[in-house]
Amino acid sequence: MAKLNLMATCLFGIESIVARELKNLGYEDTHAENGRVNFAGDEMAICRSNIWLRTAERVLLKIGEFKALTFDELFEKTKALPWDEWIPEDAQFPVTGKTVSSQLASIPDCQAIVKKAVVEKLKLRYKKDWFDETGPVYKIEVGLLKDTATLSIDTSGAGLHKRGYRKLVSAAPLKETLASAMIQVSRWRKDRVLIDPFCGSGTIPIEAAMIGLNIAPGIDREFVAETWSQTPPQMWQQTRNEAHDLKEMDNELFIQGSDINDEVMSLARYHAKLAGVEQHIHLQRRDMREISSHKKYGFIICNPPYGERLNEKREVENLYNDMGKVFSALDTWSYYVITSYMDFEKVFGRKANKKRKLYNGMIMCNYYQFFGPPPPRIKRTTSKSS
């Protein structure tokens, strides 16, 4: 199998989490940049990374990277890349683009030039002047950042946050990839209690259950690269068979999700059932102020309302103040809260041990991390034989 240059794109702020996931999959040769992690792998890596990555947005096949200050330079350097090694004669190859801080600022022009360059390269290979584009999709992405062009082909299709279990959404849904990142940043372990008192349609509890049961997030969905000759069906089937074998459905989990809204709790139950984890999560309608637990150590991970509208500010401040009082009663627990409200610590009544800047959609947030004490180590006794 060939050694490929691949890129796992992600939300800003979670590159290190994606890199850790890739290393856990056995891909040690990683390099993190803003919003993406570069890694090396073979064709099987396309299958495994798409099916297993919990926090990446897409997996891209990197075809080339170069400086481009003029449209002629973009055309010639794009044409020189090995598009014919990947794109078959009947393929559909639409081009999408973005440009930031570059001389070539017109996205439509960059897309058109890249399209033309790829066509010219394929003409040389297939000895024809027209391509009907009726076959498998090889979506090309051109990104220009500070005059450096990166050309890639999308292997995922729909974004990796689309696991397949969330058919309906609440008013302010949290992306599955961000929820998983929040859980992984917290270092929650499957033998510890996890409570989300603002669970909405259930994303955080469901993602936690999938982690705790070692369910690959992409095991039940399709990817555009499944139609490619380079990654044939048996390769995907082998990857899915391995993922099924690695499930740990007998694990006992202690995950609770609650919300004050009956309608979203109904959604949460529906989504948990679709994800196959309904037996491993306790979901109930409950006000955050009623949160309690007899467990000595645990985690609260949540995405409360932000109060983005001016008329909601006072209500949200009261909520955060009450959160501080309720959570402090669980004084040996750890709390993890994401919000865009900049004075959260002041209203909550406690300085976070650590903060991490994350983006929930287009909203810049802080992920506040309050660390509880670690549980005492269990002493192991050894018996001496006489």
Protein backbone atom coordinates (compact mmCIF):
# COMPACT_ATOMS: atom_id res chain seq x y z
CA MET A 1 0.00 0.00 0.00
CA ALA A 2 1.12 3.55 -0.73
CA LYS A 3 2.21 6.02 1.93
CA LEU A 4 -0.27 8.87 1.81
CA ASN A 5 -0.28 12.38 3.25
CA LEU A 6 -3.57 12.78 5.12
CA MET A 7 -5.14 15.63 7.07
CA ALA A 8 -7.72 15.43 9.84
CA THR A 9 -9.46 18.81 10.03
CA CYS A 10 -10.96 19.91 13.33
CA LEU A 11 -12.31 22.81 15.35
CA PHE A 12 -9.72 25.30 16.56
CA GLY A 13 -8.43 24.40 20.00
CA ILE A 14 -8.71 20.61 19.84
CA GLU A 15 -5.82 19.79 17.52
CA SER A 16 -3.93 18.04 20.34
CA ILE A 17 -6.95 15.82 21.05
CA VAL A 18 -7.17 14.76 17.39
CA ALA A 19 -3.41 14.08 17.36
CA ARG A 20 -3.79 11.90 20.45
CA GLU A 21 -6.61 9.96 18.82
CA LEU A 22 -4.48 9.37 15.73
CA LYS A 23 -1.58 8.13 17.83
CA ASN A 24 -3.94 5.77 19.65
CA LEU A 25 -4.86 4.39 16.21
CA GLY A 26 -1.17 3.76 15.57
CA TYR A 27 -0.35 6.81 13.43
CA GLU A 28 2.69 8.29 15.18
CA ASP A 29 3.84 10.57 12.35
CA THR A 30 1.56 13.54 13.15
CA HIS A 31 1.96 17.30 12.89
CA ALA A 32 -0.66 19.69 14.27
CA GLU A 33 -1.46 23.05 12.70
CA ASN A 34 -4.34 25.46 13.23
CA GLY A 35 -7.54 23.54 12.55
CA ARG A 36 -5.91 20.37 11.26
CA VAL A 37 -3.55 17.51 12.05
CA ASN A 38 -1.35 16.11 9.29
CA PHE A 39 -0.56 12.41 9.46
CA ALA A 40 0.89 9.68 7.28
CA GLY A 41 -0.84 6.40 6.50
CA ASP A 42 -1.89 4.01 3.77
CA GLU A 43 -5.26 3.44 2.10
CA MET A 44 -6.45 1.54 5.17
CA ALA A 45 -5.77 4.69 7.21
CA ILE A 46 -8.49 6.44 5.20
CA CYS A 47 -10.99 3.82 6.40
CA ARG A 48 -9.77 3.61 10.01
CA SER A 49 -9.49 7.35 10.61
CA ASN A 50 -12.95 8.07 9.19
CA ILE A 51 -14.58 5.32 11.24
CA TRP A 52 -12.68 5.90 14.50
CA LEU A 53 -11.91 9.61 14.90
CA ARG A 54 -14.28 11.19 17.42
CA THR A 55 -13.13 14.83 17.34
CA ALA A 56 -12.09 15.44 13.70
CA GLU A 57 -14.42 17.12 11.22
CA ARG A 58 -13.12 15.47 8.03
CA VAL A 59 -10.27 13.38 6.68
CA LEU A 60 -8.63 14.84 3.60
CA LEU A 61 -6.14 13.28 1.19
CA LYS A 62 -3.43 15.88 0.65
CA ILE A 63 -2.36 16.00 -3.02
CA GLY A 64 0.08 18.91 -2.79
CA GLU A 65 1.11 22.20 -1.20
CA PHE A 66 2.97 25.15 -2.73
CA LYS A 67 3.37 28.92 -2.81
CA ALA A 68 1.03 30.70 -5.25
CA LEU A 69 1.18 34.46 -5.72
CA THR A 70 -0.46 34.59 -9.17
CA PHE A 71 -3.27 32.74 -10.92
CA ASP A 72 -0.79 31.42 -13.50
CA GLU A 73 1.32 29.98 -10.70
CA LEU A 74 -1.76 28.37 -9.11
CA PHE A 75 -2.73 26.84 -12.47
CA GLU A 76 0.67 25.43 -13.42
CA LYS A 77 1.51 24.03 -9.98
CA THR A 78 -1.94 22.48 -9.63
CA LYS A 79 -1.67 20.87 -13.06
CA ALA A 80 1.70 19.36 -12.08
CA LEU A 81 0.15 17.38 -9.21
CA PRO A 82 -0.73 13.65 -9.62
CA TRP A 83 -4.51 14.04 -9.95
CA ASP A 84 -4.62 11.24 -12.52
CA GLU A 85 -3.36 8.76 -9.93
CA TRP A 86 -6.58 9.26 -7.94
CA ILE A 87 -9.37 10.63 -10.11
CA PRO A 88 -10.86 8.07 -12.53
CA GLU A 89 -12.15 8.94 -15.98
CA ASP A 90 -15.84 9.07 -15.02
CA ALA A 91 -15.40 10.80 -11.63
CA GLN A 92 -17.24 13.86 -10.42
CA PHE A 93 -14.66 16.34 -9.12
CA PRO A 94 -16.29 19.55 -7.85
CA VAL A 95 -13.93 22.15 -6.35
CA THR A 96 -14.52 24.09 -3.13
CA GLY A 97 -12.20 26.73 -1.75
CA LYS A 98 -11.22 29.24 0.90
CA THR A 99 -8.56 31.91 1.08
CA VAL A 100 -7.13 33.79 4.06
CA SER A 101 -4.47 36.53 4.04
CA SER A 102 -3.39 35.69 0.48
CA GLN A 103 -2.71 37.61 -2.74
CA LEU A 104 -5.26 35.39 -4.47
CA ALA A 105 -8.32 36.58 -2.59
CA SER A 106 -11.11 35.61 -5.00
CA ILE A 107 -12.45 32.18 -3.99
CA PRO A 108 -14.54 31.67 -7.20
CA ASP A 109 -11.51 32.46 -9.38
CA CYS A 110 -9.28 30.07 -7.39
CA GLN A 111 -11.88 27.31 -7.70
CA ALA A 112 -12.26 27.83 -11.45
CA ILE A 113 -8.51 27.81 -12.04
CA VAL A 114 -7.98 24.65 -10.00
CA LYS A 115 -10.84 22.95 -11.85
CA LYS A 116 -9.34 23.90 -15.21
CA ALA A 117 -5.87 22.70 -14.16
CA VAL A 118 -7.19 19.33 -13.01
CA VAL A 119 -9.13 18.91 -16.27
CA GLU A 120 -5.97 19.63 -18.25
CA LYS A 121 -4.07 17.00 -16.26
CA LEU A 122 -6.81 14.41 -16.79
CA LYS A 123 -6.93 15.17 -20.52
CA LEU A 124 -3.32 14.04 -20.77
CA ARG A 125 -4.09 10.78 -18.97
CA TYR A 126 -7.37 9.79 -20.58
CA LYS A 127 -6.84 11.31 -24.04
CA LYS A 128 -10.21 13.06 -24.19
CA ASP A 129 -11.43 16.66 -24.12
CA TRP A 130 -14.69 16.28 -22.15
CA PHE A 131 -15.54 14.56 -18.87
CA ASP A 132 -19.17 13.70 -18.14
CA GLU A 133 -18.58 13.44 -14.37
CA THR A 134 -21.22 10.80 -13.68
CA GLY A 135 -19.20 8.46 -11.43
CA PRO A 136 -17.87 8.50 -7.86
CA VAL A 137 -17.26 11.87 -6.17
CA TYR A 138 -13.73 13.14 -5.54
CA LYS A 139 -14.39 16.57 -4.06
CA ILE A 140 -11.30 18.77 -4.37
CA GLU A 141 -10.56 21.42 -1.76
CA VAL A 142 -8.21 24.36 -2.39
CA GLY A 143 -7.17 26.36 0.62
CA LEU A 144 -4.90 29.41 0.49
CA LEU A 145 -3.34 30.65 3.72
CA LYS A 146 -0.72 33.38 3.57
CA ASP A 147 -0.10 32.61 -0.12
CA THR A 148 0.43 28.88 0.48
CA ALA A 149 -2.04 26.71 -1.45
CA THR A 150 -3.02 23.31 -0.10
CA LEU A 151 -4.82 20.97 -2.51
CA SER A 152 -6.68 17.97 -1.17
CA ILE A 153 -9.51 15.50 -1.84
CA ASP A 154 -12.24 14.95 0.76
CA THR A 155 -12.52 11.29 1.81
CA SER A 156 -15.37 11.75 4.32
CA GLY A 157 -18.33 13.23 2.47
CA ALA A 158 -20.70 14.43 5.19
CA GLY A 159 -18.85 15.87 8.20
CA LEU A 160 -17.63 13.33 10.75
CA HIS A 161 -19.85 14.89 13.43
CA LYS A 162 -22.77 13.24 11.61
CA ARG A 163 -22.64 9.89 13.42
CA GLY A 164 -26.13 8.95 12.28
CA TYR A 165 -27.89 8.89 15.66
CA ARG A 166 -28.99 12.52 15.82
CA LYS A 167 -31.97 12.70 13.46
CA LEU A 168 -33.61 15.63 15.24
CA VAL A 169 -31.96 18.59 16.96
CA SER A 170 -32.83 20.95 19.77
CA ALA A 171 -32.66 24.74 19.50
CA ALA A 172 -28.92 25.03 20.30
CA PRO A 173 -27.32 21.68 19.48
CA LEU A 174 -23.74 20.89 20.47
CA LYS A 175 -21.71 19.24 17.73
CA GLU A 176 -20.90 15.60 18.44
CA THR A 177 -17.22 16.22 17.73
CA LEU A 178 -17.06 19.10 20.22
CA ALA A 179 -18.91 17.07 22.86
CA SER A 180 -16.42 14.25 22.46
CA ALA A 181 -13.52 16.70 22.70
CA MET A 182 -14.93 18.14 25.93
CA ILE A 183 -15.13 14.64 27.42
CA GLN A 184 -11.62 13.73 26.32
CA VAL A 185 -10.14 16.99 27.64
CA SER A 186 -11.68 16.18 31.03
CA ARG A 187 -9.90 12.80 31.16
CA TRP A 188 -13.14 11.21 32.36
CA ARG A 189 -12.83 7.47 32.78
CA LYS A 190 -15.55 4.91 32.18
CA ASP A 191 -15.56 3.75 35.83
CA ARG A 192 -16.43 7.25 37.10
CA VAL A 193 -19.80 8.99 37.33
CA LEU A 194 -20.56 11.60 34.67
CA ILE A 195 -23.49 14.00 34.94
CA ASP A 196 -24.66 16.49 32.33
CA PRO A 197 -27.39 18.66 33.91
CA PHE A 198 -28.05 20.53 30.63
CA CYS A 199 -28.02 17.54 28.30
CA GLY A 200 -30.48 18.91 25.72
CA SER A 201 -30.87 16.31 22.98
CA GLY A 202 -28.33 14.06 24.72
CA THR A 203 -25.08 14.65 22.85
CA ILE A 204 -22.63 14.68 25.78
CA PRO A 205 -24.05 11.59 27.55
CA ILE A 206 -24.29 9.68 24.25
CA GLU A 207 -20.73 10.54 23.21
CA ALA A 208 -19.50 9.55 26.69
CA ALA A 209 -21.31 6.21 26.43
CA MET A 210 -19.79 5.56 23.02
CA ILE A 211 -16.35 6.25 24.48
CA GLY A 212 -17.05 4.09 27.53
CA LEU A 213 -18.26 1.20 25.37
CA ASN A 214 -15.52 1.72 22.75
CA ILE A 215 -18.06 2.16 19.95
CA ALA A 216 -16.42 3.62 16.85
CA PRO A 217 -18.37 6.83 16.04
CA GLY A 218 -18.50 6.16 12.29
CA ILE A 219 -19.32 2.47 12.43
CA ASP A 220 -22.90 2.86 11.16
CA ARG A 221 -22.52 5.62 8.55
CA GLU A 222 -21.23 5.89 5.00
CA PHE A 223 -18.25 7.80 3.62
CA VAL A 224 -17.66 9.13 0.12
CA ALA A 225 -14.37 7.19 -0.22
CA GLU A 226 -16.35 3.94 -0.01
CA THR A 227 -17.12 4.46 -3.71
CA TRP A 228 -13.44 4.81 -4.65
CA SER A 229 -11.46 2.03 -6.34
CA GLN A 230 -8.46 2.85 -4.13
CA THR A 231 -10.41 1.89 -0.99
CA PRO A 232 -12.57 -1.06 -2.08
CA PRO A 233 -15.58 -2.38 -0.13
CA GLN A 234 -13.63 -5.24 1.48
CA MET A 235 -11.26 -2.72 3.06
CA TRP A 236 -14.16 -0.87 4.70
CA GLN A 237 -15.79 -4.14 5.74
CA GLN A 238 -12.58 -5.30 7.39
CA THR A 239 -12.34 -2.02 9.31
CA ARG A 240 -15.97 -2.25 10.45
CA ASN A 241 -15.56 -5.90 11.48
CA GLU A 242 -12.57 -4.90 13.61
CA ALA A 243 -14.61 -2.07 15.16
CA HIS A 244 -17.46 -4.44 16.03
CA ASP A 245 -14.99 -6.86 17.63
CA LEU A 246 -13.55 -4.05 19.76
CA LYS A 247 -16.88 -2.96 21.27
CA GLU A 248 -17.10 -3.39 25.06
CA MET A 249 -20.87 -3.54 25.52
CA ASP A 250 -20.64 -5.30 28.89
CA ASN A 251 -18.96 -2.32 30.55
CA GLU A 252 -20.93 -0.82 33.43
CA LEU A 253 -21.27 2.94 33.00
CA PHE A 254 -22.54 5.63 35.38
CA ILE A 255 -23.71 8.34 32.99
CA GLN A 256 -26.63 10.66 33.72
CA GLY A 257 -28.23 13.30 31.54
CA SER A 258 -30.95 15.69 32.58
CA ASP A 259 -32.66 18.85 31.42
CA ILE A 260 -35.59 20.95 32.54
CA ASN A 261 -37.28 20.67 29.14
CA ASP A 262 -39.54 17.64 28.55
CA GLU A 263 -39.36 17.96 24.77
CA VAL A 264 -35.56 17.81 24.54
CA MET A 265 -35.45 14.92 27.01
CA SER A 266 -37.68 13.02 24.61
CA LEU A 267 -35.15 13.77 21.87
CA ALA A 268 -32.31 12.60 24.11
CA ARG A 269 -33.99 9.24 24.70
CA TYR A 270 -34.67 8.84 20.99
CA HIS A 271 -31.06 9.61 20.06
CA ALA A 272 -29.67 7.30 22.76
CA LYS A 273 -31.77 4.49 21.32
CA LEU A 274 -30.54 5.17 17.78
CA ALA A 275 -26.95 5.19 19.04
CA GLY A 276 -27.52 1.84 20.76
CA VAL A 277 -26.59 3.15 24.22
CA GLU A 278 -30.00 3.71 25.82
CA GLN A 279 -29.36 0.92 28.36
CA HIS A 280 -26.14 2.58 29.49
CA ILE A 281 -27.41 6.12 30.20
CA HIS A 282 -29.89 7.34 32.81
CA LEU A 283 -31.93 10.20 31.34
CA GLN A 284 -34.56 12.16 33.26
CA ARG A 285 -36.24 15.55 33.39
CA ARG A 286 -34.64 17.45 36.26
CA ASP A 287 -33.76 21.03 37.16
CA MET A 288 -30.04 21.65 37.51
CA ARG A 289 -30.65 22.86 41.05
CA GLU A 290 -31.77 19.34 42.01
CA ILE A 291 -28.46 17.72 41.02
CA SER A 292 -26.95 15.51 43.72
CA SER A 293 -25.10 12.23 44.03
CA HIS A 294 -24.11 9.80 46.75
CA LYS A 295 -20.93 9.04 44.80
CA LYS A 296 -17.80 10.53 46.34
CA TYR A 297 -16.00 11.28 43.09
CA GLY A 298 -17.39 12.18 39.69
CA PHE A 299 -17.51 14.55 36.74
CA ILE A 300 -19.96 17.22 35.66
CA ILE A 301 -19.52 18.09 31.96
CA CYS A 302 -22.01 20.52 30.52
CA ASN A 303 -22.98 23.12 27.95
CA PRO A 304 -25.35 25.51 29.78
CA PRO A 305 -27.20 28.44 28.15
CA TYR A 306 -24.83 31.29 27.21
CA GLY A 307 -27.14 34.30 27.41
CA GLU A 308 -26.13 35.58 23.97
CA ARG A 309 -29.21 37.81 23.79
CA LEU A 310 -29.17 40.93 25.95
CA ASN A 311 -32.52 40.16 27.61
CA GLU A 312 -31.21 36.76 28.75
CA LYS A 313 -28.13 38.07 30.56
CA ARG A 314 -29.65 38.44 34.03
CA GLU A 315 -31.36 35.05 33.83
CA VAL A 316 -28.12 33.36 32.81
CA GLU A 317 -26.16 35.12 35.56
CA ASN A 318 -28.64 33.80 38.13
CA LEU A 319 -28.30 30.33 36.63
CA TYR A 320 -24.48 30.43 36.80
CA ASN A 321 -24.61 31.67 40.38
CA ASP A 322 -26.90 28.77 41.31
CA MET A 323 -24.59 26.37 39.45
CA GLY A 324 -21.71 27.52 41.64
CA LYS A 325 -23.70 26.77 44.79
CA VAL A 326 -25.01 23.39 43.60
CA PHE A 327 -21.69 22.18 42.21
CA SER A 328 -19.76 23.26 45.32
CA ALA A 329 -21.82 20.79 47.34
CA LEU A 330 -20.10 18.09 45.30
CA ASP A 331 -16.77 19.29 46.64
CA THR A 332 -14.75 16.23 45.60
CA TRP A 333 -16.03 16.31 42.03
CA SER A 334 -14.55 17.88 38.90
CA TYR A 335 -16.62 20.29 36.79
CA TYR A 336 -16.19 21.19 33.13
CA VAL A 337 -18.31 23.99 31.68
CA ILE A 338 -18.28 25.53 28.20
CA THR A 339 -19.76 29.00 27.74
CA SER A 340 -19.19 32.21 25.80
CA TYR A 341 -20.05 34.31 28.88
CA MET A 342 -16.76 36.04 29.73
CA ASP A 343 -17.51 36.70 33.42
CA PHE A 344 -18.48 33.11 34.14
CA GLU A 345 -15.89 32.53 36.90
CA LYS A 346 -16.96 35.68 38.73
CA VAL A 347 -20.64 34.74 38.70
CA PHE A 348 -19.95 31.03 39.31
CA GLY A 349 -17.93 32.02 42.38
CA ARG A 350 -14.72 30.12 41.73
CA LYS A 351 -11.61 30.54 39.60
CA ALA A 352 -11.09 27.72 37.11
CA ASN A 353 -7.97 25.61 37.45
CA LYS A 354 -7.60 25.78 33.69
CA LYS A 355 -9.30 27.38 30.68
CA ARG A 356 -9.26 26.33 27.04
CA LYS A 357 -10.51 28.41 24.14
CA LEU A 358 -12.96 26.46 21.97
CA TYR A 359 -15.45 27.35 19.26
CA ASN A 360 -19.05 26.17 19.45
CA GLY A 361 -20.03 26.79 15.84
CA MET A 362 -19.04 30.42 15.23
CA ILE A 363 -19.22 31.33 18.93
CA MET A 364 -15.89 31.74 20.72
CA CYS A 365 -16.15 30.07 24.13
CA ASN A 366 -14.00 29.18 27.10
CA TYR A 367 -13.98 25.65 28.45
CA TYR A 368 -13.68 26.11 32.22
CA GLN A 369 -12.04 23.21 34.06
CA PHE A 370 -12.38 22.83 37.82
CA PHE A 371 -10.36 19.93 39.18
CA GLY A 372 -11.50 17.88 42.13
CA PRO A 373 -9.10 15.82 44.26
CA PRO A 374 -8.12 12.43 42.85
CA PRO A 375 -9.67 9.38 44.51
CA PRO A 376 -7.37 7.58 46.95
CA ARG A 377 -5.32 4.82 45.43
CA ILE A 378 -6.50 1.33 46.25
CA LYS A 379 -3.78 -0.41 48.24
CA ARG A 380 -2.96 -3.85 47.02
CA THR A 381 -2.18 -6.42 49.65
CA THR A 382 0.15 -9.31 49.01
CA SER A 383 0.01 -12.51 50.98
CA LYS A 384 3.17 -14.31 51.98
CA SER A 385 3.23 -18.05 51.56
CA SER A 386 4.74 -20.03 54.42
